[in-house]
Amino acid sequence: MDVMWDVSDPTLTGAERSRIEVTADGWLLTGVVVAAYDGRPLDVDYQVLVDAGWATRSVDVTMDRLAKPRRLRLDRSTNALWRIDGAPAPELDGCLDVDLGVTPSTNTLPIRRLGLKVGQELEIDVAWVKFPELRVDRGRQTYARISAETWRYTSGEYTADLTVDENGCVTRYGNDLWKQVPLSQ
């Protein structure tokens, strides 16, 4: 499944192409973000491997900002112990999801994993990758299912309604901050 988004925000403008593919034992989410962040170029390539239950197993990110490429690798063991670029990251232990702060595609992962019914909500901890710093922090987020197609996402003081398709893929994030571009099949 291929998806494209436009993003229009005071600090971030651009586009993204993302793909979700079935693997032998889960799913692979890949994407490319080409944008201007605070008026300067920001290119991000990512791969997120998740298991059959949509829990994150590994994340590879390459970010190019101002012609200075940087890479980040995250790995999560089956008992939810994390490593950042090969080093233990106990501050992330117990998290099952990753949130790449430069894309709405990773919101699909907890939406699929949680499988909430309308009216339910759940608070989760995530490995939150911040851009353009390319820094990883533990984040606390709440996902509430408002309707069949609408989820409310909350992180700290920030709240956005997410419209999703039948696959749980975000089609609209907030007030058109991220908006899916229709593709012909």
N, C-alpha and C. Protein backbone atom coordinates (compact mmCIF):
# COMPACT_ATOMS: atom_id res chain seq x y z
N MET A 1 0.85 -1.17 0.00
CA MET A 1 0.00 0.00 0.00
C MET A 1 0.90 1.24 0.00
N ASP A 2 0.74 2.09 -1.00
CA ASP A 2 1.49 3.34 -1.11
C ASP A 2 0.61 4.51 -0.69
N VAL A 3 1.23 5.47 0.00
CA VAL A 3 0.52 6.66 0.48
C VAL A 3 1.41 7.87 0.23
N MET A 4 0.79 8.99 -0.13
CA MET A 4 1.52 10.25 -0.23
C MET A 4 0.77 11.29 0.60
N TRP A 5 1.55 12.18 1.22
CA TRP A 5 0.98 13.27 2.00
C TRP A 5 1.62 14.58 1.60
N ASP A 6 0.85 15.66 1.74
CA ASP A 6 1.36 17.03 1.73
C ASP A 6 1.36 17.49 3.17
N VAL A 7 2.36 18.27 3.54
CA VAL A 7 2.40 18.84 4.88
C VAL A 7 2.52 20.35 4.75
N SER A 8 1.72 21.06 5.56
CA SER A 8 1.78 22.51 5.55
C SER A 8 1.62 22.99 6.98
N ASP A 9 2.71 23.48 7.52
CA ASP A 9 2.78 23.92 8.90
C ASP A 9 3.71 25.13 8.92
N PRO A 10 3.60 26.01 9.90
CA PRO A 10 4.52 27.15 9.92
C PRO A 10 6.00 26.76 9.93
N THR A 11 6.35 25.60 10.51
CA THR A 11 7.76 25.21 10.56
C THR A 11 8.13 24.14 9.55
N LEU A 12 7.15 23.42 8.99
CA LEU A 12 7.44 22.30 8.10
C LEU A 12 6.50 22.33 6.89
N THR A 13 7.08 22.38 5.69
CA THR A 13 6.28 22.28 4.46
C THR A 13 6.97 21.30 3.53
N GLY A 14 6.18 20.48 2.85
CA GLY A 14 6.77 19.52 1.94
C GLY A 14 5.84 18.38 1.63
N ALA A 15 6.43 17.22 1.38
CA ALA A 15 5.67 16.04 0.99
C ALA A 15 6.35 14.78 1.50
N GLU A 16 5.57 13.70 1.50
CA GLU A 16 6.09 12.39 1.90
C GLU A 16 5.47 11.30 1.05
N ARG A 17 6.27 10.29 0.77
CA ARG A 17 5.79 9.05 0.18
C ARG A 17 6.10 7.94 1.15
N SER A 18 5.10 7.12 1.43
CA SER A 18 5.25 6.04 2.40
C SER A 18 4.65 4.76 1.82
N ARG A 19 5.16 3.63 2.29
CA ARG A 19 4.68 2.33 1.83
C ARG A 19 4.64 1.36 3.02
N ILE A 20 3.59 0.57 3.07
CA ILE A 20 3.49 -0.53 4.04
C ILE A 20 3.45 -1.83 3.25
N GLU A 21 4.38 -2.74 3.60
CA GLU A 21 4.46 -4.02 2.92
C GLU A 21 4.42 -5.16 3.94
N VAL A 22 3.83 -6.25 3.54
CA VAL A 22 3.81 -7.45 4.38
C VAL A 22 5.18 -8.12 4.29
N THR A 23 5.69 -8.60 5.44
CA THR A 23 6.93 -9.38 5.47
C THR A 23 6.57 -10.79 5.93
N ALA A 24 7.56 -11.65 6.03
CA ALA A 24 7.32 -13.03 6.45
C ALA A 24 6.73 -13.11 7.85
N ASP A 25 7.09 -12.16 8.73
CA ASP A 25 6.61 -12.24 10.12
C ASP A 25 6.12 -10.89 10.66
N GLY A 26 5.62 -10.03 9.77
CA GLY A 26 5.11 -8.74 10.22
C GLY A 26 4.90 -7.77 9.07
N TRP A 27 5.37 -6.55 9.28
CA TRP A 27 5.14 -5.48 8.32
C TRP A 27 6.39 -4.61 8.22
N LEU A 28 6.59 -3.99 7.05
CA LEU A 28 7.67 -3.06 6.85
C LEU A 28 7.07 -1.74 6.38
N LEU A 29 7.36 -0.67 7.12
CA LEU A 29 6.93 0.68 6.80
C LEU A 29 8.16 1.44 6.32
N THR A 30 8.09 1.96 5.10
CA THR A 30 9.20 2.75 4.56
C THR A 30 8.66 4.09 4.10
N GLY A 31 9.53 5.10 4.10
CA GLY A 31 9.07 6.40 3.63
C GLY A 31 10.20 7.36 3.35
N VAL A 32 9.86 8.39 2.60
CA VAL A 32 10.78 9.47 2.26
C VAL A 32 10.04 10.78 2.47
N VAL A 33 10.60 11.64 3.30
CA VAL A 33 10.06 12.98 3.54
C VAL A 33 11.02 13.97 2.90
N VAL A 34 10.49 14.85 2.05
CA VAL A 34 11.28 15.92 1.45
C VAL A 34 10.56 17.21 1.82
N ALA A 35 11.22 18.03 2.64
CA ALA A 35 10.53 19.19 3.20
C ALA A 35 11.50 20.33 3.47
N ALA A 36 10.91 21.45 3.82
CA ALA A 36 11.67 22.58 4.35
C ALA A 36 11.26 22.70 5.82
N TYR A 37 12.24 22.65 6.69
CA TYR A 37 12.00 22.81 8.12
C TYR A 37 12.63 24.14 8.53
N ASP A 38 11.79 25.05 9.02
CA ASP A 38 12.25 26.42 9.32
C ASP A 38 12.97 27.03 8.12
N GLY A 39 12.46 26.74 6.90
CA GLY A 39 13.02 27.34 5.70
C GLY A 39 14.30 26.70 5.17
N ARG A 40 14.73 25.60 5.80
CA ARG A 40 15.94 24.91 5.34
C ARG A 40 15.61 23.48 4.94
N PRO A 41 16.29 22.95 3.90
CA PRO A 41 15.98 21.60 3.43
C PRO A 41 16.14 20.53 4.51
N LEU A 42 15.20 19.59 4.48
CA LEU A 42 15.23 18.43 5.39
C LEU A 42 14.75 17.23 4.60
N ASP A 43 15.63 16.25 4.41
CA ASP A 43 15.28 14.99 3.75
C ASP A 43 15.41 13.87 4.76
N VAL A 44 14.39 13.04 4.84
CA VAL A 44 14.39 11.92 5.79
C VAL A 44 13.96 10.65 5.06
N ASP A 45 14.79 9.62 5.13
CA ASP A 45 14.43 8.27 4.66
C ASP A 45 14.31 7.40 5.89
N TYR A 46 13.28 6.56 5.94
CA TYR A 46 13.13 5.69 7.12
C TYR A 46 12.58 4.32 6.74
N GLN A 47 12.91 3.37 7.60
CA GLN A 47 12.36 2.02 7.55
C GLN A 47 12.00 1.62 8.97
N VAL A 48 10.79 1.15 9.16
CA VAL A 48 10.35 0.67 10.46
C VAL A 48 9.82 -0.75 10.25
N LEU A 49 10.46 -1.70 10.92
CA LEU A 49 10.04 -3.10 10.86
C LEU A 49 9.21 -3.40 12.10
N VAL A 50 8.01 -3.93 11.90
CA VAL A 50 7.14 -4.28 13.03
C VAL A 50 6.77 -5.75 12.94
N ASP A 51 6.43 -6.33 14.09
CA ASP A 51 6.04 -7.74 14.10
C ASP A 51 4.58 -7.88 13.67
N ALA A 52 4.07 -9.11 13.69
CA ALA A 52 2.71 -9.38 13.24
C ALA A 52 1.67 -8.65 14.08
N GLY A 53 2.00 -8.30 15.34
CA GLY A 53 1.10 -7.55 16.20
C GLY A 53 1.30 -6.05 16.13
N TRP A 54 2.10 -5.56 15.18
CA TRP A 54 2.36 -4.15 14.92
C TRP A 54 3.25 -3.49 15.96
N ALA A 55 3.97 -4.26 16.79
CA ALA A 55 4.95 -3.70 17.73
C ALA A 55 6.28 -3.50 16.99
N THR A 56 6.92 -2.37 17.25
CA THR A 56 8.17 -2.03 16.57
C THR A 56 9.28 -3.00 16.93
N ARG A 57 10.03 -3.44 15.91
CA ARG A 57 11.20 -4.28 16.12
C ARG A 57 12.48 -3.52 15.82
N SER A 58 12.50 -2.74 14.72
CA SER A 58 13.70 -1.96 14.41
C SER A 58 13.31 -0.73 13.59
N VAL A 59 14.19 0.27 13.68
CA VAL A 59 13.98 1.54 12.98
C VAL A 59 15.31 1.99 12.41
N ASP A 60 15.33 2.35 11.14
CA ASP A 60 16.51 2.94 10.51
C ASP A 60 16.10 4.28 9.91
N VAL A 61 16.81 5.34 10.28
CA VAL A 61 16.52 6.68 9.78
C VAL A 61 17.80 7.28 9.22
N THR A 62 17.70 7.86 8.04
CA THR A 62 18.78 8.69 7.49
C THR A 62 18.20 10.06 7.26
N MET A 63 18.83 11.06 7.86
CA MET A 63 18.36 12.43 7.74
C MET A 63 19.47 13.28 7.13
N ASP A 64 19.11 14.08 6.14
CA ASP A 64 20.06 15.01 5.54
C ASP A 64 19.50 16.41 5.75
N ARG A 65 20.25 17.21 6.48
CA ARG A 65 19.87 18.60 6.75
C ARG A 65 21.11 19.44 6.52
N LEU A 66 21.00 20.39 5.61
CA LEU A 66 22.11 21.29 5.30
C LEU A 66 23.34 20.51 4.83
N ALA A 67 23.11 19.46 4.02
CA ALA A 67 24.18 18.63 3.45
C ALA A 67 25.01 17.96 4.53
N LYS A 68 24.38 17.63 5.66
CA LYS A 68 25.06 16.92 6.75
C LYS A 68 24.24 15.67 7.08
N PRO A 69 24.46 14.57 6.33
CA PRO A 69 23.70 13.35 6.58
C PRO A 69 24.01 12.76 7.97
N ARG A 70 22.95 12.25 8.61
CA ARG A 70 23.09 11.56 9.90
C ARG A 70 22.21 10.33 9.88
N ARG A 71 22.63 9.32 10.63
CA ARG A 71 21.88 8.07 10.69
C ARG A 71 21.53 7.74 12.14
N LEU A 72 20.42 7.00 12.26
CA LEU A 72 19.97 6.54 13.57
C LEU A 72 19.42 5.13 13.40
N ARG A 73 19.79 4.25 14.32
CA ARG A 73 19.28 2.87 14.32
C ARG A 73 18.71 2.57 15.70
N LEU A 74 17.48 2.09 15.74
CA LEU A 74 16.84 1.65 16.98
C LEU A 74 16.48 0.18 16.82
N ASP A 75 16.69 -0.59 17.87
CA ASP A 75 16.29 -1.99 17.90
C ASP A 75 15.55 -2.26 19.20
N ARG A 76 14.47 -3.08 19.10
CA ARG A 76 13.71 -3.48 20.29
C ARG A 76 13.68 -5.00 20.33
N SER A 77 14.09 -5.56 21.46
CA SER A 77 14.08 -7.02 21.60
C SER A 77 12.65 -7.49 21.86
N THR A 78 12.45 -8.80 21.84
CA THR A 78 11.12 -9.35 22.06
C THR A 78 10.60 -9.05 23.47
N ASN A 79 11.50 -8.78 24.42
CA ASN A 79 11.05 -8.42 25.77
C ASN A 79 11.08 -6.90 25.98
N ALA A 80 11.01 -6.13 24.85
CA ALA A 80 10.86 -4.67 24.84
C ALA A 80 12.04 -3.92 25.45
N LEU A 81 13.26 -4.47 25.27
CA LEU A 81 14.47 -3.75 25.66
C LEU A 81 15.02 -3.08 24.40
N TRP A 82 15.40 -1.81 24.51
CA TRP A 82 15.80 -1.02 23.35
C TRP A 82 17.29 -0.77 23.30
N ARG A 83 17.77 -0.57 22.07
CA ARG A 83 19.15 -0.14 21.82
C ARG A 83 19.09 1.02 20.82
N ILE A 84 19.93 2.02 21.04
CA ILE A 84 20.08 3.14 20.11
C ILE A 84 21.48 3.06 19.54
N ASP A 85 21.57 2.88 18.24
CA ASP A 85 22.88 2.73 17.57
C ASP A 85 23.75 1.69 18.29
N GLY A 86 23.13 0.60 18.71
CA GLY A 86 23.84 -0.51 19.33
C GLY A 86 24.04 -0.40 20.84
N ALA A 87 23.81 0.77 21.42
CA ALA A 87 24.01 0.96 22.86
C ALA A 87 22.68 0.77 23.60
N PRO A 88 22.70 0.11 24.77
CA PRO A 88 21.47 -0.06 25.54
C PRO A 88 20.81 1.29 25.82
N ALA A 89 19.48 1.32 25.73
CA ALA A 89 18.70 2.54 25.99
C ALA A 89 17.60 2.21 26.99
N PRO A 90 17.97 1.99 28.26
CA PRO A 90 16.98 1.57 29.26
C PRO A 90 15.85 2.58 29.47
N GLU A 91 16.07 3.84 29.10
CA GLU A 91 15.01 4.84 29.25
C GLU A 91 13.83 4.56 28.32
N LEU A 92 14.03 3.71 27.31
CA LEU A 92 12.96 3.36 26.37
C LEU A 92 12.35 1.99 26.66
N ASP A 93 12.95 1.24 27.56
CA ASP A 93 12.49 -0.13 27.81
C ASP A 93 11.01 -0.15 28.17
N GLY A 94 10.30 -1.11 27.58
CA GLY A 94 8.87 -1.26 27.79
C GLY A 94 8.04 -0.63 26.69
N CYS A 95 8.61 0.29 25.92
CA CYS A 95 7.87 0.90 24.80
C CYS A 95 7.69 -0.13 23.69
N LEU A 96 6.54 -0.12 23.06
CA LEU A 96 6.29 -1.03 21.95
C LEU A 96 6.23 -0.31 20.61
N ASP A 97 6.14 1.03 20.66
CA ASP A 97 5.95 1.81 19.44
C ASP A 97 7.05 2.85 19.28
N VAL A 98 7.26 3.24 18.01
CA VAL A 98 8.13 4.36 17.69
C VAL A 98 7.26 5.45 17.09
N ASP A 99 7.60 6.70 17.37
CA ASP A 99 6.93 7.84 16.76
C ASP A 99 8.00 8.69 16.10
N LEU A 100 8.03 8.67 14.76
CA LEU A 100 8.93 9.54 14.03
C LEU A 100 8.22 10.88 13.89
N GLY A 101 8.73 11.90 14.58
CA GLY A 101 8.05 13.18 14.68
C GLY A 101 7.93 13.96 13.40
N VAL A 102 8.38 13.41 12.29
CA VAL A 102 8.35 14.13 11.02
C VAL A 102 7.36 13.50 10.03
N THR A 103 6.54 12.56 10.50
CA THR A 103 5.62 11.86 9.62
C THR A 103 4.38 11.37 10.37
N PRO A 104 3.23 11.35 9.72
CA PRO A 104 2.05 10.74 10.34
C PRO A 104 2.00 9.22 10.16
N SER A 105 2.92 8.68 9.36
CA SER A 105 2.85 7.24 9.06
C SER A 105 3.02 6.38 10.30
N THR A 106 3.83 6.81 11.25
CA THR A 106 4.05 5.97 12.44
C THR A 106 2.86 6.01 13.40
N ASN A 107 1.90 6.92 13.21
CA ASN A 107 0.67 6.86 14.01
C ASN A 107 -0.15 5.63 13.65
N THR A 108 0.02 5.13 12.43
CA THR A 108 -0.70 3.93 12.01
C THR A 108 -0.32 2.73 12.86
N LEU A 109 0.94 2.67 13.32
CA LEU A 109 1.41 1.49 14.05
C LEU A 109 0.63 1.27 15.35
N PRO A 110 0.54 2.25 16.27
CA PRO A 110 -0.27 2.00 17.47
C PRO A 110 -1.76 1.89 17.17
N ILE A 111 -2.24 2.60 16.15
CA ILE A 111 -3.65 2.46 15.79
C ILE A 111 -3.94 1.02 15.42
N ARG A 112 -3.08 0.41 14.61
CA ARG A 112 -3.27 -0.99 14.23
C ARG A 112 -3.04 -1.93 15.43
N ARG A 113 -1.98 -1.64 16.21
CA ARG A 113 -1.64 -2.52 17.34
C ARG A 113 -2.71 -2.50 18.42
N LEU A 114 -3.23 -1.33 18.74
CA LEU A 114 -4.18 -1.20 19.84
C LEU A 114 -5.55 -1.76 19.49
N GLY A 115 -6.01 -1.55 18.26
CA GLY A 115 -7.30 -2.08 17.83
C GLY A 115 -8.46 -1.66 18.72
N LEU A 116 -8.45 -0.40 19.15
CA LEU A 116 -9.49 0.07 20.07
C LEU A 116 -10.86 0.13 19.39
N LYS A 117 -11.89 -0.05 20.20
CA LYS A 117 -13.26 0.11 19.73
C LYS A 117 -13.66 1.58 19.94
N VAL A 118 -14.68 2.03 19.21
CA VAL A 118 -15.16 3.41 19.35
C VAL A 118 -15.51 3.65 20.83
N GLY A 119 -15.00 4.77 21.36
CA GLY A 119 -15.23 5.13 22.76
C GLY A 119 -14.10 4.72 23.69
N GLN A 120 -13.19 3.88 23.24
CA GLN A 120 -12.06 3.46 24.08
C GLN A 120 -10.87 4.37 23.87
N GLU A 121 -10.02 4.46 24.90
CA GLU A 121 -8.76 5.18 24.78
C GLU A 121 -7.71 4.48 25.61
N LEU A 122 -6.46 4.69 25.24
CA LEU A 122 -5.35 4.05 25.94
C LEU A 122 -4.13 4.96 25.89
N GLU A 123 -3.43 5.03 27.02
CA GLU A 123 -2.20 5.79 27.09
C GLU A 123 -1.03 4.83 26.90
N ILE A 124 -0.07 5.22 26.07
CA ILE A 124 1.08 4.37 25.78
C ILE A 124 2.37 5.18 25.89
N ASP A 125 3.47 4.48 26.08
CA ASP A 125 4.80 5.09 26.03
C ASP A 125 5.43 4.71 24.70
N VAL A 126 6.13 5.67 24.08
CA VAL A 126 6.73 5.45 22.77
C VAL A 126 8.18 5.91 22.76
N ALA A 127 8.95 5.35 21.84
CA ALA A 127 10.28 5.87 21.53
C ALA A 127 10.04 6.98 20.52
N TRP A 128 10.19 8.22 20.96
CA TRP A 128 9.84 9.39 20.16
C TRP A 128 11.09 9.98 19.54
N VAL A 129 11.20 9.91 18.21
CA VAL A 129 12.34 10.45 17.49
C VAL A 129 12.00 11.87 17.07
N LYS A 130 12.78 12.82 17.59
CA LYS A 130 12.53 14.24 17.34
C LYS A 130 13.42 14.74 16.20
N PHE A 131 12.81 15.59 15.37
CA PHE A 131 13.50 16.17 14.22
C PHE A 131 13.50 17.68 14.34
N PRO A 132 14.50 18.38 13.88
CA PRO A 132 15.67 17.90 13.15
C PRO A 132 16.81 17.46 14.07
N GLU A 133 16.57 17.39 15.37
CA GLU A 133 17.64 17.01 16.30
C GLU A 133 18.08 15.56 16.11
N LEU A 134 17.19 14.71 15.61
CA LEU A 134 17.41 13.27 15.50
C LEU A 134 17.78 12.70 16.88
N ARG A 135 16.98 13.11 17.85
CA ARG A 135 17.15 12.69 19.25
C ARG A 135 15.98 11.79 19.62
N VAL A 136 16.24 10.80 20.47
CA VAL A 136 15.19 9.86 20.88
C VAL A 136 14.89 10.07 22.36
N ASP A 137 13.63 10.30 22.68
CA ASP A 137 13.16 10.44 24.06
C ASP A 137 12.00 9.48 24.27
N ARG A 138 11.73 9.18 25.51
CA ARG A 138 10.52 8.44 25.85
C ARG A 138 9.37 9.44 25.86
N GLY A 139 8.29 9.11 25.18
CA GLY A 139 7.12 9.99 25.13
C GLY A 139 5.88 9.26 25.60
N ARG A 140 4.98 9.98 26.19
CA ARG A 140 3.70 9.42 26.62
C ARG A 140 2.61 9.99 25.72
N GLN A 141 1.81 9.10 25.14
CA GLN A 141 0.78 9.51 24.19
C GLN A 141 -0.53 8.80 24.52
N THR A 142 -1.61 9.44 24.14
CA THR A 142 -2.93 8.84 24.31
C THR A 142 -3.59 8.74 22.95
N TYR A 143 -4.15 7.57 22.68
CA TYR A 143 -4.95 7.35 21.49
C TYR A 143 -6.37 7.05 21.94
N ALA A 144 -7.33 7.84 21.43
CA ALA A 144 -8.75 7.64 21.75
C ALA A 144 -9.50 7.47 20.44
N ARG A 145 -10.30 6.41 20.36
CA ARG A 145 -11.07 6.17 19.14
C ARG A 145 -12.40 6.90 19.27
N ILE A 146 -12.58 7.93 18.46
CA ILE A 146 -13.75 8.79 18.50
C ILE A 146 -14.88 8.23 17.64
N SER A 147 -14.53 7.70 16.47
CA SER A 147 -15.51 7.10 15.55
C SER A 147 -14.77 6.04 14.74
N ALA A 148 -15.45 5.43 13.79
CA ALA A 148 -14.81 4.41 12.96
C ALA A 148 -13.60 4.95 12.22
N GLU A 149 -13.66 6.23 11.81
CA GLU A 149 -12.57 6.82 11.04
C GLU A 149 -11.77 7.87 11.79
N THR A 150 -12.11 8.20 13.03
CA THR A 150 -11.44 9.29 13.72
C THR A 150 -10.83 8.84 15.05
N TRP A 151 -9.57 9.20 15.22
CA TRP A 151 -8.84 8.95 16.47
C TRP A 151 -8.34 10.29 17.00
N ARG A 152 -8.35 10.46 18.31
CA ARG A 152 -7.76 11.65 18.92
C ARG A 152 -6.41 11.25 19.49
N TYR A 153 -5.40 11.98 19.05
CA TYR A 153 -4.02 11.74 19.47
C TYR A 153 -3.61 12.88 20.40
N THR A 154 -3.06 12.52 21.56
CA THR A 154 -2.59 13.52 22.52
C THR A 154 -1.19 13.17 22.97
N SER A 155 -0.33 14.19 22.98
CA SER A 155 1.04 14.05 23.47
C SER A 155 1.35 15.33 24.24
N GLY A 156 1.42 15.24 25.56
CA GLY A 156 1.62 16.43 26.38
C GLY A 156 0.46 17.38 26.20
N GLU A 157 0.74 18.61 25.84
CA GLU A 157 -0.30 19.63 25.61
C GLU A 157 -0.85 19.59 24.19
N TYR A 158 -0.24 18.80 23.32
CA TYR A 158 -0.63 18.76 21.92
C TYR A 158 -1.73 17.73 21.69
N THR A 159 -2.77 18.12 20.95
CA THR A 159 -3.86 17.22 20.59
C THR A 159 -4.20 17.42 19.12
N ALA A 160 -4.42 16.31 18.41
CA ALA A 160 -4.85 16.37 17.01
C ALA A 160 -5.81 15.23 16.73
N ASP A 161 -6.81 15.50 15.92
CA ASP A 161 -7.68 14.44 15.45
C ASP A 161 -7.09 13.86 14.18
N LEU A 162 -7.07 12.53 14.10
CA LEU A 162 -6.53 11.81 12.96
C LEU A 162 -7.67 11.11 12.25
N THR A 163 -7.82 11.36 10.97
CA THR A 163 -8.78 10.62 10.16
C THR A 163 -8.01 9.48 9.50
N VAL A 164 -8.57 8.27 9.56
CA VAL A 164 -7.88 7.10 9.01
C VAL A 164 -8.78 6.39 8.01
N ASP A 165 -8.13 5.59 7.13
CA ASP A 165 -8.90 4.78 6.19
C ASP A 165 -9.20 3.42 6.83
N GLU A 166 -9.75 2.51 6.04
CA GLU A 166 -10.14 1.19 6.56
C GLU A 166 -8.95 0.36 7.03
N ASN A 167 -7.72 0.75 6.62
CA ASN A 167 -6.51 0.05 7.05
C ASN A 167 -5.84 0.69 8.26
N GLY A 168 -6.45 1.75 8.80
CA GLY A 168 -5.85 2.45 9.93
C GLY A 168 -4.76 3.42 9.52
N CYS A 169 -4.64 3.68 8.22
CA CYS A 169 -3.63 4.61 7.70
C CYS A 169 -4.18 6.03 7.76
N VAL A 170 -3.37 6.95 8.28
CA VAL A 170 -3.80 8.33 8.44
C VAL A 170 -4.04 8.97 7.07
N THR A 171 -5.24 9.54 6.89
CA THR A 171 -5.55 10.28 5.66
C THR A 171 -5.54 11.79 5.91
N ARG A 172 -5.79 12.19 7.15
CA ARG A 172 -5.74 13.60 7.53
C ARG A 172 -5.27 13.69 8.97
N TYR A 173 -4.31 14.58 9.22
CA TYR A 173 -3.73 14.75 10.55
C TYR A 173 -4.02 16.18 10.98
N GLY A 174 -4.79 16.32 12.06
CA GLY A 174 -5.13 17.66 12.54
C GLY A 174 -5.94 18.41 11.51
N ASN A 175 -5.88 19.74 11.57
CA ASN A 175 -6.61 20.57 10.61
C ASN A 175 -5.81 20.68 9.32
N ASP A 176 -5.69 19.55 8.65
CA ASP A 176 -4.97 19.47 7.37
C ASP A 176 -3.49 19.78 7.48
N LEU A 177 -2.91 19.60 8.67
CA LEU A 177 -1.46 19.72 8.81
C LEU A 177 -0.80 18.74 7.84
N TRP A 178 -1.20 17.46 7.94
CA TRP A 178 -0.80 16.45 6.96
C TRP A 178 -2.08 16.01 6.26
N LYS A 179 -2.06 15.97 4.95
CA LYS A 179 -3.23 15.56 4.20
C LYS A 179 -2.80 14.58 3.11
N GLN A 180 -3.47 13.42 3.09
CA GLN A 180 -3.13 12.41 2.10
C GLN A 180 -3.51 12.87 0.70
N VAL A 181 -2.63 12.60 -0.25
CA VAL A 181 -2.85 12.91 -1.66
C VAL A 181 -3.46 11.68 -2.32
N PRO A 182 -4.63 11.81 -2.95
CA PRO A 182 -5.23 10.64 -3.60
C PRO A 182 -4.33 10.11 -4.72
N LEU A 183 -4.19 8.79 -4.77
CA LEU A 183 -3.39 8.13 -5.81
C LEU A 183 -4.30 7.24 -6.65
N SER A 184 -4.04 7.15 -7.96
CA SER A 184 -4.79 6.19 -8.78
C SER A 184 -4.18 4.81 -8.63
N GLN A 185 -5.02 3.83 -8.69
CA GLN A 185 -4.54 2.45 -8.50
C GLN A 185 -4.33 1.78 -9.82
